[in-house]
Amino acid sequence: LRWNRVLPPEVEQAVDRCRSKSDLPALRKTCEINPSPIARLILIAIS
């Protein structure tokens, strides 16, 4: 339950950079590289 494992900084930064649909592929790739609970929820939301 370490904070970096539940909410990786890379995923948090990718979410902040996502402003349009064109940024979704980059967000998806970041979530796939950094598996975590929040990343899996984001992938579900994207799908």
All heavy atoms as atom14 arrays in JSON, in Angstrom:
{
  "sequence": "LRWNRVLPPEVEQAVDRCRSKSDLPALRKTCEINPSPIARLILIAIS",
  "atom14_mask": [
    [1, 1, 1, 1, 1, 1, 1, 1, 0, 0, 0, 0, 0, 0],
    [1, 1, 1, 1, 1, 1, 1, 1, 1, 1, 1, 0, 0, 0],
    [1, 1, 1, 1, 1, 1, 1, 1, 1, 1, 1, 1, 1, 1],
    [1, 1, 1, 1, 1, 1, 1, 1, 0, 0, 0, 0, 0, 0],
    [1, 1, 1, 1, 1, 1, 1, 1, 1, 1, 1, 0, 0, 0],
    [1, 1, 1, 1, 1, 1, 1, 0, 0, 0, 0, 0, 0, 0],
    [1, 1, 1, 1, 1, 1, 1, 1, 0, 0, 0, 0, 0, 0],
    [1, 1, 1, 1, 1, 1, 1, 0, 0, 0, 0, 0, 0, 0],
    [1, 1, 1, 1, 1, 1, 1, 0, 0, 0, 0, 0, 0, 0],
    [1, 1, 1, 1, 1, 1, 1, 1, 1, 0, 0, 0, 0, 0],
    [1, 1, 1, 1, 1, 1, 1, 0, 0, 0, 0, 0, 0, 0],
    [1, 1, 1, 1, 1, 1, 1, 1, 1, 0, 0, 0, 0, 0],
    [1, 1, 1, 1, 1, 1, 1, 1, 1, 0, 0, 0, 0, 0],
    [1, 1, 1, 1, 1, 0, 0, 0, 0, 0, 0, 0, 0, 0],
    [1, 1, 1, 1, 1, 1, 1, 0, 0, 0, 0, 0, 0, 0],
    [1, 1, 1, 1, 1, 1, 1, 1, 0, 0, 0, 0, 0, 0],
    [1, 1, 1, 1, 1, 1, 1, 1, 1, 1, 1, 0, 0, 0],
    [1, 1, 1, 1, 1, 1, 0, 0, 0, 0, 0, 0, 0, 0],
    [1, 1, 1, 1, 1, 1, 1, 1, 1, 1, 1, 0, 0, 0],
    [1, 1, 1, 1, 1, 1, 0, 0, 0, 0, 0, 0, 0, 0],
    [1, 1, 1, 1, 1, 1, 1, 1, 1, 0, 0, 0, 0, 0],
    [1, 1, 1, 1, 1, 1, 0, 0, 0, 0, 0, 0, 0, 0],
    [1, 1, 1, 1, 1, 1, 1, 1, 0, 0, 0, 0, 0, 0],
    [1, 1, 1, 1, 1, 1, 1, 1, 0, 0, 0, 0, 0, 0],
    [1, 1, 1, 1, 1, 1, 1, 0, 0, 0, 0, 0, 0, 0],
    [1, 1, 1, 1, 1, 0, 0, 0, 0, 0, 0, 0, 0, 0],
    [1, 1, 1, 1, 1, 1, 1, 1, 0, 0, 0, 0, 0, 0],
    [1, 1, 1, 1, 1, 1, 1, 1, 1, 1, 1, 0, 0, 0],
    [1, 1, 1, 1, 1, 1, 1, 1, 1, 0, 0, 0, 0, 0],
    [1, 1, 1, 1, 1, 1, 1, 0, 0, 0, 0, 0, 0, 0],
    [1, 1, 1, 1, 1, 1, 0, 0, 0, 0, 0, 0, 0, 0],
    [1, 1, 1, 1, 1, 1, 1, 1, 1, 0, 0, 0, 0, 0],
    [1, 1, 1, 1, 1, 1, 1, 1, 0, 0, 0, 0, 0, 0],
    [1, 1, 1, 1, 1, 1, 1, 1, 0, 0, 0, 0, 0, 0],
    [1, 1, 1, 1, 1, 1, 1, 0, 0, 0, 0, 0, 0, 0],
    [1, 1, 1, 1, 1, 1, 0, 0, 0, 0, 0, 0, 0, 0],
    [1, 1, 1, 1, 1, 1, 1, 0, 0, 0, 0, 0, 0, 0],
    [1, 1, 1, 1, 1, 1, 1, 1, 0, 0, 0, 0, 0, 0],
    [1, 1, 1, 1, 1, 0, 0, 0, 0, 0, 0, 0, 0, 0],
    [1, 1, 1, 1, 1, 1, 1, 1, 1, 1, 1, 0, 0, 0],
    [1, 1, 1, 1, 1, 1, 1, 1, 0, 0, 0, 0, 0, 0],
    [1, 1, 1, 1, 1, 1, 1, 1, 0, 0, 0, 0, 0, 0],
    [1, 1, 1, 1, 1, 1, 1, 1, 0, 0, 0, 0, 0, 0],
    [1, 1, 1, 1, 1, 1, 1, 1, 0, 0, 0, 0, 0, 0],
    [1, 1, 1, 1, 1, 0, 0, 0, 0, 0, 0, 0, 0, 0],
    [1, 1, 1, 1, 1, 1, 1, 1, 0, 0, 0, 0, 0, 0],
    [1, 1, 1, 1, 1, 1, 0, 0, 0, 0, 0, 0, 0, 0]
  ],
  "atom14_positions": [
    [[0.81, -1.22, 0.0], [0.0, 0.0, 0.0], [0.84, 1.27, 0.0], [0.36, 2.32, 0.42], [-0.93, 0.0, 1.22], [-1.98, -1.12, 1.25], [-2.81, -1.04, 2.52], [-2.87, -1.09, 0.02], [0.0, 0.0, 0.0], [0.0, 0.0, 0.0], [0.0, 0.0, 0.0], [0.0, 0.0, 0.0], [0.0, 0.0, 0.0], [0.0, 0.0, 0.0]],
    [[2.07, 1.15, -0.46], [2.87, 2.37, -0.59], [2.23, 3.31, -1.61], [1.67, 2.87, -2.62], [4.3, 2.03, -1.02], [5.15, 1.41, 0.08], [6.54, 1.11, -0.42], [6.48, 0.17, -1.54], [7.53, -0.15, -2.28], [8.7, 0.42, -2.05], [7.4, -1.02, -3.27], [0.0, 0.0, 0.0], [0.0, 0.0, 0.0], [0.0, 0.0, 0.0]],
    [[2.34, 4.6, -1.36], [1.67, 5.6, -2.2], [2.13, 5.51, -3.65], [1.33, 5.63, -4.59], [1.92, 7.0, -1.65], [1.18, 8.09, -2.4], [1.69, 8.97, -3.29], [-0.21, 8.37, -2.31], [0.71, 9.8, -3.78], [-0.48, 9.45, -3.18], [-1.27, 7.81, -1.58], [-1.76, 9.98, -3.33], [-2.54, 8.34, -1.74], [-2.76, 9.41, -2.61]],
    [[3.42, 5.29, -3.87], [3.96, 5.22, -5.23], [3.46, 3.99, -6.0], [3.49, 3.99, -7.23], [5.49, 5.22, -5.2], [6.05, 6.57, -4.78], [5.36, 7.58, -4.86], [7.28, 6.57, -4.3], [0.0, 0.0, 0.0], [0.0, 0.0, 0.0], [0.0, 0.0, 0.0], [0.0, 0.0, 0.0], [0.0, 0.0, 0.0], [0.0, 0.0, 0.0]],
    [[3.04, 2.96, -5.27], [2.51, 1.77, -5.95], [1.02, 1.92, -6.24], [0.52, 1.38, -7.22], [2.74, 0.53, -5.09], [4.21, 0.17, -4.9], [4.4, -1.2, -4.34], [3.86, -2.24, -5.23], [3.97, -3.54, -4.99], [4.58, -3.96, -3.87], [3.46, -4.41, -5.82], [0.0, 0.0, 0.0], [0.0, 0.0, 0.0], [0.0, 0.0, 0.0]],
    [[0.31, 2.62, -5.4], [-1.12, 2.84, -5.63], [-1.34, 3.94, -6.66], [-2.2, 3.81, -7.56], [-1.83, 3.19, -4.31], [-3.32, 3.46, -4.55], [-1.67, 2.06, -3.3], [0.0, 0.0, 0.0], [0.0, 0.0, 0.0], [0.0, 0.0, 0.0], [0.0, 0.0, 0.0], [0.0, 0.0, 0.0], [0.0, 0.0, 0.0], [0.0, 0.0, 0.0]],
    [[-0.57, 5.01, -6.57], [-0.68, 6.14, -7.5], [0.73, 6.53, -7.97], [1.36, 7.43, -7.4], [-1.37, 7.33, -6.81], [-1.6, 8.58, -7.67], [-2.44, 8.24, -8.89], [-2.27, 9.67, -6.83], [0.0, 0.0, 0.0], [0.0, 0.0, 0.0], [0.0, 0.0, 0.0], [0.0, 0.0, 0.0], [0.0, 0.0, 0.0], [0.0, 0.0, 0.0]],
    [[1.23, 5.85, -9.01], [2.59, 6.17, -9.51], [2.67, 7.61, -10.0], [1.73, 8.12, -10.63], [2.78, 5.17, -10.65], [1.8, 4.07, -10.39], [0.63, 4.73, -9.73], [0.0, 0.0, 0.0], [0.0, 0.0, 0.0], [0.0, 0.0, 0.0], [0.0, 0.0, 0.0], [0.0, 0.0, 0.0], [0.0, 0.0, 0.0], [0.0, 0.0, 0.0]],
    [[3.78, 8.29, -9.76], [3.94, 9.68, -10.23], [3.83, 9.8, -11.75], [3.32, 10.81, -12.26], [5.34, 10.06, -9.74], [5.63, 9.13, -8.61], [4.92, 7.86, -8.94], [0.0, 0.0, 0.0], [0.0, 0.0, 0.0], [0.0, 0.0, 0.0], [0.0, 0.0, 0.0], [0.0, 0.0, 0.0], [0.0, 0.0, 0.0], [0.0, 0.0, 0.0]],
    [[4.3, 8.77, -12.48], [4.24, 8.82, -13.94], [2.79, 8.86, -14.43], [2.47, 9.62, -15.36], [4.96, 7.6, -14.55], [6.45, 7.54, -14.25], [6.76, 6.96, -12.89], [5.8, 6.55, -12.2], [7.94, 6.9, -12.53], [0.0, 0.0, 0.0], [0.0, 0.0, 0.0], [0.0, 0.0, 0.0], [0.0, 0.0, 0.0], [0.0, 0.0, 0.0]],
    [[1.93, 8.07, -13.8], [0.51, 8.07, -14.19], [-0.13, 9.4, -13.83], [-0.93, 9.95, -14.61], [-0.22, 6.91, -13.5], [-1.72, 6.95, -13.8], [0.35, 5.57, -13.94], [0.0, 0.0, 0.0], [0.0, 0.0, 0.0], [0.0, 0.0, 0.0], [0.0, 0.0, 0.0], [0.0, 0.0, 0.0], [0.0, 0.0, 0.0], [0.0, 0.0, 0.0]],
    [[0.2, 9.92, -12.69], [-0.35, 11.21, -12.26], [0.05, 12.32, -13.23], [-0.77, 13.17, -13.62], [0.13, 11.53, -10.85], [-0.53, 12.75, -10.24], [-0.1, 12.99, -8.81], [0.75, 12.22, -8.31], [-0.64, 13.92, -8.18], [0.0, 0.0, 0.0], [0.0, 0.0, 0.0], [0.0, 0.0, 0.0], [0.0, 0.0, 0.0], [0.0, 0.0, 0.0]],
    [[1.31, 12.33, -13.65], [1.77, 13.33, -14.61], [1.12, 13.16, -15.97], [0.77, 14.14, -16.64], [3.3, 13.26, -14.73], [4.05, 13.63, -13.46], [5.52, 13.33, -13.54], [6.04, 12.91, -14.57], [6.22, 13.51, -12.42], [0.0, 0.0, 0.0], [0.0, 0.0, 0.0], [0.0, 0.0, 0.0], [0.0, 0.0, 0.0], [0.0, 0.0, 0.0]],
    [[0.93, 11.89, -16.4], [0.28, 11.63, -17.68], [-1.17, 12.11, -17.68], [-1.68, 12.63, -18.68], [0.35, 10.15, -18.02], [0.0, 0.0, 0.0], [0.0, 0.0, 0.0], [0.0, 0.0, 0.0], [0.0, 0.0, 0.0], [0.0, 0.0, 0.0], [0.0, 0.0, 0.0], [0.0, 0.0, 0.0], [0.0, 0.0, 0.0], [0.0, 0.0, 0.0]],
    [[-1.86, 11.93, -16.54], [-3.24, 12.42, -16.42], [-3.27, 13.94, -16.5], [-4.16, 14.53, -17.15], [-3.88, 11.92, -15.11], [-5.22, 12.6, -14.88], [-4.05, 10.41, -15.15], [0.0, 0.0, 0.0], [0.0, 0.0, 0.0], [0.0, 0.0, 0.0], [0.0, 0.0, 0.0], [0.0, 0.0, 0.0], [0.0, 0.0, 0.0], [0.0, 0.0, 0.0]],
    [[-2.32, 14.6, -15.87], [-2.26, 16.06, -15.93], [-1.99, 16.57, -17.35], [-2.48, 17.64, -17.74], [-1.17, 16.58, -14.98], [-1.53, 16.35, -13.52], [-2.74, 16.22, -13.22], [-0.61, 16.29, -12.67], [0.0, 0.0, 0.0], [0.0, 0.0, 0.0], [0.0, 0.0, 0.0], [0.0, 0.0, 0.0], [0.0, 0.0, 0.0], [0.0, 0.0, 0.0]],
    [[-1.23, 15.8, -18.13], [-0.9, 16.23, -19.5], [-2.0, 15.9, -20.51], [-1.99, 16.43, -21.63], [0.4, 15.57, -19.95], [1.64, 16.07, -19.24], [2.9, 15.62, -19.96], [2.98, 14.17, -20.02], [3.66, 13.42, -19.15], [4.31, 14.01, -18.13], [3.68, 12.11, -19.25], [0.0, 0.0, 0.0], [0.0, 0.0, 0.0], [0.0, 0.0, 0.0]],
    [[-2.93, 15.04, -20.11], [-3.99, 14.63, -21.03], [-5.06, 15.74, -21.11], [-5.8, 15.97, -20.14], [-4.61, 13.33, -20.56], [-5.83, 12.66, -21.7], [0.0, 0.0, 0.0], [0.0, 0.0, 0.0], [0.0, 0.0, 0.0], [0.0, 0.0, 0.0], [0.0, 0.0, 0.0], [0.0, 0.0, 0.0], [0.0, 0.0, 0.0], [0.0, 0.0, 0.0]],
    [[-5.12, 16.41, -22.27], [-6.07, 17.51, -22.45], [-7.11, 17.23, -23.54], [-8.14, 17.91, -23.58], [-5.31, 18.79, -22.82], [-4.3, 19.24, -21.79], [-4.94, 19.53, -20.45], [-3.98, 20.0, -19.45], [-4.25, 20.09, -18.17], [-5.42, 19.68, -17.71], [-3.33, 20.52, -17.33], [0.0, 0.0, 0.0], [0.0, 0.0, 0.0], [0.0, 0.0, 0.0]],
    [[-6.83, 16.28, -24.4], [-7.75, 15.99, -25.51], [-7.64, 14.51, -25.86], [-6.82, 13.77, -25.3], [-7.42, 16.87, -26.72], [-6.1, 16.59, -27.18], [0.0, 0.0, 0.0], [0.0, 0.0, 0.0], [0.0, 0.0, 0.0], [0.0, 0.0, 0.0], [0.0, 0.0, 0.0], [0.0, 0.0, 0.0], [0.0, 0.0, 0.0], [0.0, 0.0, 0.0]],
    [[-8.47, 14.08, -26.83], [-8.45, 12.68, -27.25], [-7.13, 12.29, -27.88], [-6.77, 11.11, -27.87], [-9.6, 12.43, -28.22], [-10.97, 12.4, -27.56], [-12.05, 11.96, -28.53], [-13.39, 11.83, -27.83], [-14.47, 11.36, -28.75], [0.0, 0.0, 0.0], [0.0, 0.0, 0.0], [0.0, 0.0, 0.0], [0.0, 0.0, 0.0], [0.0, 0.0, 0.0]],
    [[-6.43, 13.25, -28.43], [-5.15, 12.93, -29.05], [-4.1, 12.53, -28.02], [-3.1, 11.88, -28.36], [-4.65, 14.14, -29.85], [-4.49, 15.27, -28.99], [0.0, 0.0, 0.0], [0.0, 0.0, 0.0], [0.0, 0.0, 0.0], [0.0, 0.0, 0.0], [0.0, 0.0, 0.0], [0.0, 0.0, 0.0], [0.0, 0.0, 0.0], [0.0, 0.0, 0.0]],
    [[-4.31, 12.89, -26.76], [-3.37, 12.53, -25.7], [-3.69, 11.17, -25.06], [-2.93, 10.69, -24.22], [-3.38, 13.6, -24.61], [-2.92, 14.96, -25.12], [-2.05, 14.98, -26.01], [-3.45, 15.99, -24.63], [0.0, 0.0, 0.0], [0.0, 0.0, 0.0], [0.0, 0.0, 0.0], [0.0, 0.0, 0.0], [0.0, 0.0, 0.0], [0.0, 0.0, 0.0]],
    [[-4.82, 10.57, -25.44], [-5.23, 9.3, -24.83], [-4.25, 8.16, -25.11], [-3.98, 7.36, -24.21], [-6.63, 8.92, -25.31], [-7.79, 9.77, -24.75], [-9.12, 9.3, -25.32], [-7.82, 9.69, -23.22], [0.0, 0.0, 0.0], [0.0, 0.0, 0.0], [0.0, 0.0, 0.0], [0.0, 0.0, 0.0], [0.0, 0.0, 0.0], [0.0, 0.0, 0.0]],
    [[-3.7, 8.03, -26.35], [-2.73, 6.94, -26.57], [-1.52, 7.02, -25.63], [-1.06, 5.98, -25.13], [-2.33, 7.11, -28.04], [-3.51, 7.78, -28.67], [-4.03, 8.71, -27.62], [0.0, 0.0, 0.0], [0.0, 0.0, 0.0], [0.0, 0.0, 0.0], [0.0, 0.0, 0.0], [0.0, 0.0, 0.0], [0.0, 0.0, 0.0], [0.0, 0.0, 0.0]],
    [[-1.03, 8.23, -25.39], [0.11, 8.39, -24.49], [-0.28, 8.02, -23.05], [0.49, 7.37, -22.32], [0.63, 9.82, -24.55], [0.0, 0.0, 0.0], [0.0, 0.0, 0.0], [0.0, 0.0, 0.0], [0.0, 0.0, 0.0], [0.0, 0.0, 0.0], [0.0, 0.0, 0.0], [0.0, 0.0, 0.0], [0.0, 0.0, 0.0], [0.0, 0.0, 0.0]],
    [[-1.5, 8.41, -22.65], [-1.98, 8.07, -21.31], [-2.16, 6.56, -21.17], [-1.78, 5.97, -20.15], [-3.3, 8.8, -21.04], [-3.98, 8.51, -19.7], [-3.07, 8.88, -18.54], [-5.32, 9.24, -19.61], [0.0, 0.0, 0.0], [0.0, 0.0, 0.0], [0.0, 0.0, 0.0], [0.0, 0.0, 0.0], [0.0, 0.0, 0.0], [0.0, 0.0, 0.0]],
    [[-2.72, 5.93, -22.23], [-2.9, 4.49, -22.19], [-1.55, 3.77, -22.06], [-1.39, 2.83, -21.28], [-3.63, 4.02, -23.44], [-3.87, 2.5, -23.48], [-4.32, 2.1, -24.88], [-5.61, 2.64, -25.19], [-6.79, 2.03, -24.92], [-6.77, 0.84, -24.32], [-7.92, 2.58, -25.24], [0.0, 0.0, 0.0], [0.0, 0.0, 0.0], [0.0, 0.0, 0.0]],
    [[-0.57, 4.21, -22.83], [0.75, 3.59, -22.8], [1.4, 3.74, -21.42], [2.01, 2.8, -20.9], [1.64, 4.2, -23.88], [3.01, 3.55, -23.99], [3.81, 4.15, -25.13], [5.18, 3.48, -25.24], [6.0, 4.06, -26.35], [0.0, 0.0, 0.0], [0.0, 0.0, 0.0], [0.0, 0.0, 0.0], [0.0, 0.0, 0.0], [0.0, 0.0, 0.0]],
    [[1.25, 4.92, -20.83], [1.83, 5.15, -19.5], [1.18, 4.25, -18.46], [1.85, 3.69, -17.59], [1.66, 6.62, -19.1], [2.26, 7.47, -20.07], [2.29, 6.88, -17.74], [0.0, 0.0, 0.0], [0.0, 0.0, 0.0], [0.0, 0.0, 0.0], [0.0, 0.0, 0.0], [0.0, 0.0, 0.0], [0.0, 0.0, 0.0], [0.0, 0.0, 0.0]],
    [[-0.15, 4.07, -18.56], [-0.86, 3.21, -17.6], [-0.46, 1.75, -17.78], [-0.38, 0.99, -16.8], [-2.37, 3.38, -17.78], [-2.99, 4.99, -17.27], [0.0, 0.0, 0.0], [0.0, 0.0, 0.0], [0.0, 0.0, 0.0], [0.0, 0.0, 0.0], [0.0, 0.0, 0.0], [0.0, 0.0, 0.0], [0.0, 0.0, 0.0], [0.0, 0.0, 0.0]],
    [[-0.22, 1.33, -19.02], [0.2, -0.05, -19.26], [1.61, -0.3, -18.77], [1.93, -1.4, -18.3], [0.08, -0.36, -20.75], [-1.36, -0.4, -21.26], [-1.44, -0.57, -22.77], [-0.36, -0.46, -23.42], [-2.54, -0.81, -23.29], [0.0, 0.0, 0.0], [0.0, 0.0, 0.0], [0.0, 0.0, 0.0], [0.0, 0.0, 0.0], [0.0, 0.0, 0.0]],
    [[2.48, 0.71, -18.86], [3.86, 0.56, -18.39], [3.93, 0.56, -16.87], [4.77, -0.12, -16.27], [4.75, 1.68, -18.98], [4.82, 1.54, -20.5], [6.15, 1.65, -18.38], [5.56, 2.68, -21.17], [0.0, 0.0, 0.0], [0.0, 0.0, 0.0], [0.0, 0.0, 0.0], [0.0, 0.0, 0.0], [0.0, 0.0, 0.0], [0.0, 0.0, 0.0]],
    [[3.03, 1.32, -16.23], [3.03, 1.45, -14.77], [1.74, 0.86, -14.2], [0.81, 1.6, -13.85], [3.16, 2.92, -14.36], [4.42, 3.56, -14.88], [5.48, 3.45, -14.28], [4.32, 4.27, -16.01], [0.0, 0.0, 0.0], [0.0, 0.0, 0.0], [0.0, 0.0, 0.0], [0.0, 0.0, 0.0], [0.0, 0.0, 0.0], [0.0, 0.0, 0.0]],
    [[1.65, -0.47, -14.1], [0.41, -1.08, -13.58], [0.19, -0.73, -12.12], [1.1, -0.83, -11.29], [0.65, -2.58, -13.77], [2.15, -2.72, -13.81], [2.66, -1.47, -14.44], [0.0, 0.0, 0.0], [0.0, 0.0, 0.0], [0.0, 0.0, 0.0], [0.0, 0.0, 0.0], [0.0, 0.0, 0.0], [0.0, 0.0, 0.0], [0.0, 0.0, 0.0]],
    [[-1.01, -0.3, -11.82], [-1.38, 0.08, -10.46], [-2.9, 0.16, -10.41], [-3.57, 0.15, -11.46], [-0.76, 1.43, -10.08], [-1.23, 2.45, -10.95], [0.0, 0.0, 0.0], [0.0, 0.0, 0.0], [0.0, 0.0, 0.0], [0.0, 0.0, 0.0], [0.0, 0.0, 0.0], [0.0, 0.0, 0.0], [0.0, 0.0, 0.0], [0.0, 0.0, 0.0]],
    [[-3.48, 0.25, -9.22], [-4.95, 0.34, -9.14], [-5.51, 1.52, -9.92], [-6.49, 1.37, -10.66], [-5.2, 0.48, -7.64], [-4.04, -0.22, -7.0], [-2.88, 0.07, -7.89], [0.0, 0.0, 0.0], [0.0, 0.0, 0.0], [0.0, 0.0, 0.0], [0.0, 0.0, 0.0], [0.0, 0.0, 0.0], [0.0, 0.0, 0.0], [0.0, 0.0, 0.0]],
    [[-4.91, 2.7, -9.77], [-5.43, 3.87, -10.48], [-5.22, 3.75, -11.99], [-6.07, 4.16, -12.79], [-4.77, 5.16, -9.94], [-5.45, 6.4, -10.5], [-3.28, 5.17, -10.21], [-6.89, 6.56, -10.06], [0.0, 0.0, 0.0], [0.0, 0.0, 0.0], [0.0, 0.0, 0.0], [0.0, 0.0, 0.0], [0.0, 0.0, 0.0], [0.0, 0.0, 0.0]],
    [[-4.1, 3.11, -12.39], [-3.84, 2.93, -13.82], [-4.86, 1.97, -14.44], [-5.34, 2.2, -15.56], [-2.43, 2.39, -14.02], [0.0, 0.0, 0.0], [0.0, 0.0, 0.0], [0.0, 0.0, 0.0], [0.0, 0.0, 0.0], [0.0, 0.0, 0.0], [0.0, 0.0, 0.0], [0.0, 0.0, 0.0], [0.0, 0.0, 0.0], [0.0, 0.0, 0.0]],
    [[-5.22, 0.92, -13.73], [-6.22, -0.02, -14.26], [-7.59, 0.63, -14.36], [-8.37, 0.34, -15.29], [-6.25, -1.27, -13.38], [-5.03, -2.16, -13.56], [-5.18, -3.47, -12.82], [-4.98, -3.3, -11.39], [-3.79, -3.4, -10.78], [-2.7, -3.67, -11.49], [-3.68, -3.25, -9.48], [0.0, 0.0, 0.0], [0.0, 0.0, 0.0], [0.0, 0.0, 0.0]],
    [[-7.93, 1.5, -13.42], [-9.2, 2.22, -13.52], [-9.21, 3.17, -14.72], [-10.22, 3.3, -15.42], [-9.45, 3.02, -12.23], [-9.79, 2.2, -10.98], [-9.92, 3.1, -9.77], [-11.08, 1.43, -11.18], [0.0, 0.0, 0.0], [0.0, 0.0, 0.0], [0.0, 0.0, 0.0], [0.0, 0.0, 0.0], [0.0, 0.0, 0.0], [0.0, 0.0, 0.0]],
    [[-8.08, 3.81, -14.96], [-8.0, 4.72, -16.12], [-8.13, 3.94, -17.42], [-8.79, 4.39, -18.38], [-6.68, 5.51, -16.07], [-6.69, 6.48, -14.89], [-6.45, 6.29, -17.38], [-5.37, 7.19, -14.65], [0.0, 0.0, 0.0], [0.0, 0.0, 0.0], [0.0, 0.0, 0.0], [0.0, 0.0, 0.0], [0.0, 0.0, 0.0], [0.0, 0.0, 0.0]],
    [[-7.51, 2.78, -17.49], [-7.61, 1.95, -18.7], [-9.06, 1.52, -18.95], [-9.52, 1.48, -20.1], [-6.7, 0.73, -18.58], [-5.19, 1.0, -18.65], [-4.41, -0.27, -18.38], [-4.83, 1.57, -20.03], [0.0, 0.0, 0.0], [0.0, 0.0, 0.0], [0.0, 0.0, 0.0], [0.0, 0.0, 0.0], [0.0, 0.0, 0.0], [0.0, 0.0, 0.0]],
    [[-9.79, 1.18, -17.86], [-11.2, 0.84, -18.01], [-11.98, 2.03, -18.53], [-12.84, 1.9, -19.43], [-11.78, 0.35, -16.66], [-11.21, -1.01, -16.29], [-13.3, 0.3, -16.71], [-11.64, -2.14, -17.21], [0.0, 0.0, 0.0], [0.0, 0.0, 0.0], [0.0, 0.0, 0.0], [0.0, 0.0, 0.0], [0.0, 0.0, 0.0], [0.0, 0.0, 0.0]],
    [[-11.7, 3.21, -17.98], [-12.4, 4.42, -18.42], [-12.12, 4.72, -19.9], [-13.03, 5.1, -20.65], [-11.99, 5.61, -17.56], [0.0, 0.0, 0.0], [0.0, 0.0, 0.0], [0.0, 0.0, 0.0], [0.0, 0.0, 0.0], [0.0, 0.0, 0.0], [0.0, 0.0, 0.0], [0.0, 0.0, 0.0], [0.0, 0.0, 0.0], [0.0, 0.0, 0.0]],
    [[-10.88, 4.51, -20.32], [-10.53, 4.75, -21.73], [-11.23, 3.74, -22.65], [-11.74, 4.1, -23.72], [-9.01, 4.7, -21.91], [-8.35, 5.88, -21.18], [-8.63, 4.74, -23.39], [-6.83, 5.83, -21.19], [0.0, 0.0, 0.0], [0.0, 0.0, 0.0], [0.0, 0.0, 0.0], [0.0, 0.0, 0.0], [0.0, 0.0, 0.0], [0.0, 0.0, 0.0]],
    [[-11.26, 2.48, -22.22], [-11.86, 1.44, -23.06], [-13.37, 1.62, -23.2], [-13.96, 1.2, -24.2], [-11.55, 0.06, -22.49], [-12.1, -0.08, -21.2], [0.0, 0.0, 0.0], [0.0, 0.0, 0.0], [0.0, 0.0, 0.0], [0.0, 0.0, 0.0], [0.0, 0.0, 0.0], [0.0, 0.0, 0.0], [0.0, 0.0, 0.0], [0.0, 0.0, 0.0]]
  ]
}
